[in-house]
Amino acid sequence: MDPGIAAAEGVSGVGAAKLFAGRYDLGETLKHGNGVDTFRAIDTLSGRDVVVKAIEPETIHAAARLRFEHETQVLRHLTGTGLTGLCD
């Protein structure tokens, strides 16, 4: 299955919760740093393999938050082979 990306914010202690946003079964941590955690996950509604990228607003600086928001806006409008799709 092709990976997708799910963006979420306002998550406290995301590593402690196995089911993220009531939908994503978190697996291994792919990247951690700068207030952003990225996880391999399974969307329990669709069964798809996805990537969950979560930000913690209390630890991320304003410029990084704007970059994250811009990234999600761009991903919403892009499609094509080798591109990550945006689920939510």
N, C-alpha and C. Protein backbone atom coordinates (compact mmCIF):
# COMPACT_ATOMS: atom_id res chain seq x y z
N MET A 1 0.84 -1.19 0.00
CA MET A 1 0.00 0.00 0.00
C MET A 1 0.87 1.24 0.00
N ASP A 2 0.40 2.31 -0.64
CA ASP A 2 1.13 3.57 -0.65
C ASP A 2 0.94 4.28 0.68
N PRO A 3 2.03 4.84 1.23
CA PRO A 3 1.88 5.60 2.46
C PRO A 3 1.10 6.87 2.22
N GLY A 4 0.36 7.29 3.23
CA GLY A 4 -0.30 8.59 3.20
C GLY A 4 0.22 9.39 4.36
N ILE A 5 -0.23 10.58 4.50
CA ILE A 5 0.20 11.40 5.63
C ILE A 5 -1.00 11.95 6.34
N ALA A 6 -0.98 11.91 7.64
CA ALA A 6 -2.05 12.48 8.44
C ALA A 6 -1.43 13.52 9.34
N ALA A 7 -1.92 14.69 9.30
CA ALA A 7 -1.38 15.77 10.13
C ALA A 7 -2.33 16.05 11.28
N ALA A 8 -1.78 16.25 12.44
CA ALA A 8 -2.61 16.55 13.60
C ALA A 8 -1.83 17.45 14.52
N GLU A 9 -2.52 18.20 15.33
CA GLU A 9 -1.84 19.05 16.28
C GLU A 9 -2.50 18.99 17.64
N GLY A 10 -1.84 19.54 18.61
CA GLY A 10 -2.39 19.58 19.96
C GLY A 10 -2.32 18.25 20.67
N VAL A 11 -1.34 17.45 20.33
CA VAL A 11 -1.22 16.12 20.92
C VAL A 11 -0.19 16.18 22.03
N SER A 12 -0.59 15.77 23.19
CA SER A 12 0.33 15.72 24.32
C SER A 12 0.63 14.27 24.61
N GLY A 13 1.91 13.94 24.68
CA GLY A 13 2.31 12.57 24.97
C GLY A 13 1.87 11.59 23.90
N VAL A 14 2.03 11.97 22.63
CA VAL A 14 1.55 11.13 21.54
C VAL A 14 2.19 9.75 21.55
N GLY A 15 3.44 9.64 22.00
CA GLY A 15 4.09 8.34 22.02
C GLY A 15 3.44 7.37 22.99
N ALA A 16 2.78 7.89 24.02
CA ALA A 16 2.17 7.05 25.03
C ALA A 16 0.84 6.46 24.55
N ALA A 17 0.16 7.13 23.64
CA ALA A 17 -1.14 6.67 23.15
C ALA A 17 -0.94 5.84 21.90
N LYS A 18 -1.36 4.59 21.92
CA LYS A 18 -1.19 3.70 20.77
C LYS A 18 -2.14 4.07 19.63
N LEU A 19 -3.39 4.42 19.94
CA LEU A 19 -4.35 4.79 18.91
C LEU A 19 -4.41 6.32 18.86
N PHE A 20 -3.90 6.88 17.80
CA PHE A 20 -3.78 8.32 17.64
C PHE A 20 -5.02 8.87 16.95
N ALA A 21 -5.59 9.93 17.50
CA ALA A 21 -6.78 10.59 16.93
C ALA A 21 -7.94 9.60 16.78
N GLY A 22 -7.96 8.57 17.62
CA GLY A 22 -9.04 7.60 17.60
C GLY A 22 -9.10 6.75 16.35
N ARG A 23 -8.02 6.79 15.53
CA ARG A 23 -8.08 6.16 14.22
C ARG A 23 -6.79 5.48 13.78
N TYR A 24 -5.65 6.04 14.15
CA TYR A 24 -4.37 5.57 13.61
C TYR A 24 -3.62 4.73 14.64
N ASP A 25 -3.34 3.48 14.30
CA ASP A 25 -2.59 2.58 15.15
C ASP A 25 -1.11 2.84 14.92
N LEU A 26 -0.46 3.49 15.90
CA LEU A 26 0.92 3.91 15.73
C LEU A 26 1.89 2.75 15.83
N GLY A 27 2.88 2.80 14.95
CA GLY A 27 3.96 1.82 14.97
C GLY A 27 5.26 2.52 15.34
N GLU A 28 6.32 2.20 14.62
CA GLU A 28 7.63 2.75 14.96
C GLU A 28 7.71 4.25 14.71
N THR A 29 8.54 4.91 15.50
CA THR A 29 8.81 6.32 15.31
C THR A 29 9.80 6.44 14.16
N LEU A 30 9.45 7.23 13.15
CA LEU A 30 10.33 7.43 12.01
C LEU A 30 11.25 8.62 12.22
N LYS A 31 10.74 9.65 12.88
CA LYS A 31 11.55 10.84 13.14
C LYS A 31 10.99 11.57 14.35
N HIS A 32 11.88 12.15 15.13
CA HIS A 32 11.48 12.91 16.31
C HIS A 32 12.38 14.12 16.41
N GLY A 33 11.78 15.29 16.57
CA GLY A 33 12.58 16.48 16.79
C GLY A 33 11.87 17.75 16.39
N ASN A 34 12.34 18.87 16.96
CA ASN A 34 11.79 20.19 16.66
C ASN A 34 10.29 20.28 16.87
N GLY A 35 9.75 19.57 17.85
CA GLY A 35 8.32 19.64 18.15
C GLY A 35 7.44 18.82 17.22
N VAL A 36 8.06 18.00 16.36
CA VAL A 36 7.31 17.18 15.41
C VAL A 36 7.72 15.72 15.57
N ASP A 37 6.73 14.84 15.67
CA ASP A 37 6.98 13.40 15.72
C ASP A 37 6.33 12.76 14.49
N THR A 38 7.07 11.87 13.84
CA THR A 38 6.56 11.19 12.65
C THR A 38 6.57 9.69 12.92
N PHE A 39 5.43 9.04 12.66
CA PHE A 39 5.26 7.62 12.97
C PHE A 39 4.78 6.84 11.75
N ARG A 40 5.19 5.60 11.65
CA ARG A 40 4.57 4.65 10.73
C ARG A 40 3.29 4.20 11.44
N ALA A 41 2.19 4.06 10.71
CA ALA A 41 0.92 3.71 11.35
C ALA A 41 0.01 2.98 10.37
N ILE A 42 -1.09 2.48 10.91
CA ILE A 42 -2.15 1.87 10.10
C ILE A 42 -3.43 2.63 10.38
N ASP A 43 -4.10 3.05 9.32
CA ASP A 43 -5.41 3.70 9.44
C ASP A 43 -6.41 2.58 9.72
N THR A 44 -6.97 2.55 10.93
CA THR A 44 -7.86 1.45 11.31
C THR A 44 -9.19 1.48 10.58
N LEU A 45 -9.54 2.62 9.97
CA LEU A 45 -10.79 2.69 9.20
C LEU A 45 -10.63 2.11 7.80
N SER A 46 -9.49 2.39 7.16
CA SER A 46 -9.30 1.93 5.78
C SER A 46 -8.36 0.75 5.67
N GLY A 47 -7.58 0.50 6.73
CA GLY A 47 -6.59 -0.58 6.68
C GLY A 47 -5.31 -0.19 5.95
N ARG A 48 -5.19 1.07 5.53
CA ARG A 48 -4.03 1.53 4.78
C ARG A 48 -2.83 1.78 5.69
N ASP A 49 -1.64 1.52 5.13
CA ASP A 49 -0.41 1.93 5.79
C ASP A 49 -0.28 3.43 5.57
N VAL A 50 -0.01 4.17 6.64
CA VAL A 50 0.10 5.63 6.56
C VAL A 50 1.29 6.10 7.38
N VAL A 51 1.58 7.38 7.24
CA VAL A 51 2.56 8.06 8.08
C VAL A 51 1.80 9.14 8.83
N VAL A 52 1.95 9.18 10.14
CA VAL A 52 1.32 10.21 10.96
C VAL A 52 2.39 11.20 11.38
N LYS A 53 2.15 12.46 11.10
CA LYS A 53 3.07 13.53 11.49
C LYS A 53 2.32 14.41 12.48
N ALA A 54 2.79 14.45 13.70
CA ALA A 54 2.09 15.17 14.76
C ALA A 54 2.98 16.28 15.32
N ILE A 55 2.37 17.45 15.53
CA ILE A 55 3.12 18.54 16.15
C ILE A 55 2.57 18.78 17.55
N GLU A 56 3.45 19.25 18.42
CA GLU A 56 3.05 19.64 19.76
C GLU A 56 3.24 21.14 19.87
N PRO A 57 2.12 21.90 19.83
CA PRO A 57 2.19 23.36 19.77
C PRO A 57 3.00 24.01 20.87
N GLU A 58 3.04 23.39 22.05
CA GLU A 58 3.78 24.01 23.14
C GLU A 58 5.29 23.90 22.98
N THR A 59 5.77 23.04 22.08
CA THR A 59 7.21 22.87 21.90
C THR A 59 7.73 23.34 20.55
N ILE A 60 6.85 23.68 19.64
CA ILE A 60 7.28 24.07 18.30
C ILE A 60 7.30 25.60 18.17
N HIS A 61 8.34 26.13 17.52
CA HIS A 61 8.41 27.58 17.37
C HIS A 61 7.54 28.02 16.19
N ALA A 62 7.20 29.29 16.14
CA ALA A 62 6.24 29.83 15.17
C ALA A 62 6.63 29.55 13.72
N ALA A 63 7.90 29.70 13.38
CA ALA A 63 8.33 29.48 11.99
C ALA A 63 8.13 28.02 11.57
N ALA A 64 8.43 27.09 12.47
CA ALA A 64 8.25 25.67 12.16
C ALA A 64 6.76 25.33 12.02
N ARG A 65 5.94 25.94 12.85
CA ARG A 65 4.50 25.71 12.75
C ARG A 65 3.95 26.20 11.41
N LEU A 66 4.39 27.38 10.98
CA LEU A 66 3.96 27.91 9.68
C LEU A 66 4.44 27.01 8.54
N ARG A 67 5.67 26.51 8.64
CA ARG A 67 6.19 25.60 7.62
C ARG A 67 5.36 24.32 7.56
N PHE A 68 4.99 23.78 8.73
CA PHE A 68 4.17 22.58 8.80
C PHE A 68 2.80 22.82 8.16
N GLU A 69 2.17 23.95 8.49
CA GLU A 69 0.86 24.29 7.92
C GLU A 69 0.95 24.47 6.41
N HIS A 70 2.03 25.10 5.94
CA HIS A 70 2.22 25.28 4.49
C HIS A 70 2.39 23.93 3.80
N GLU A 71 3.17 23.05 4.41
CA GLU A 71 3.38 21.71 3.87
C GLU A 71 2.06 20.97 3.69
N THR A 72 1.18 21.02 4.69
CA THR A 72 -0.10 20.31 4.58
C THR A 72 -0.99 20.94 3.51
N GLN A 73 -0.96 22.27 3.36
CA GLN A 73 -1.75 22.92 2.31
C GLN A 73 -1.26 22.51 0.93
N VAL A 74 0.04 22.45 0.74
CA VAL A 74 0.60 22.04 -0.55
C VAL A 74 0.25 20.59 -0.85
N LEU A 75 0.42 19.71 0.14
CA LEU A 75 0.13 18.29 -0.07
C LEU A 75 -1.33 18.03 -0.44
N ARG A 76 -2.24 18.83 0.07
CA ARG A 76 -3.66 18.66 -0.26
C ARG A 76 -3.93 18.78 -1.76
N HIS A 77 -3.09 19.55 -2.46
CA HIS A 77 -3.35 19.86 -3.87
C HIS A 77 -2.47 19.06 -4.84
N LEU A 78 -1.55 18.27 -4.32
CA LEU A 78 -0.64 17.52 -5.19
C LEU A 78 -1.05 16.06 -5.31
N THR A 79 -0.90 15.52 -6.50
CA THR A 79 -1.09 14.09 -6.72
C THR A 79 -0.02 13.63 -7.70
N GLY A 80 0.28 12.37 -7.67
CA GLY A 80 1.24 11.83 -8.63
C GLY A 80 2.02 10.68 -8.02
N THR A 81 2.68 9.94 -8.90
CA THR A 81 3.49 8.81 -8.47
C THR A 81 4.64 9.29 -7.61
N GLY A 82 4.86 8.65 -6.51
CA GLY A 82 5.95 9.01 -5.62
C GLY A 82 5.65 10.15 -4.67
N LEU A 83 4.46 10.73 -4.75
CA LEU A 83 4.07 11.79 -3.83
C LEU A 83 3.22 11.21 -2.72
N THR A 84 3.39 11.76 -1.55
CA THR A 84 2.60 11.34 -0.40
C THR A 84 1.26 12.03 -0.45
N GLY A 85 0.16 11.30 -0.29
CA GLY A 85 -1.17 11.88 -0.27
C GLY A 85 -1.54 12.31 1.15
N LEU A 86 -2.41 13.25 1.26
CA LEU A 86 -2.85 13.74 2.57
C LEU A 86 -4.21 13.15 2.89
N CYS A 87 -4.29 12.41 4.01
CA CYS A 87 -5.56 11.78 4.42
C CYS A 87 -6.44 12.74 5.19
N ASP A 88 -5.95 13.34 6.28
CA ASP A 88 -6.67 14.33 7.05
C ASP A 88 -5.71 15.38 7.52
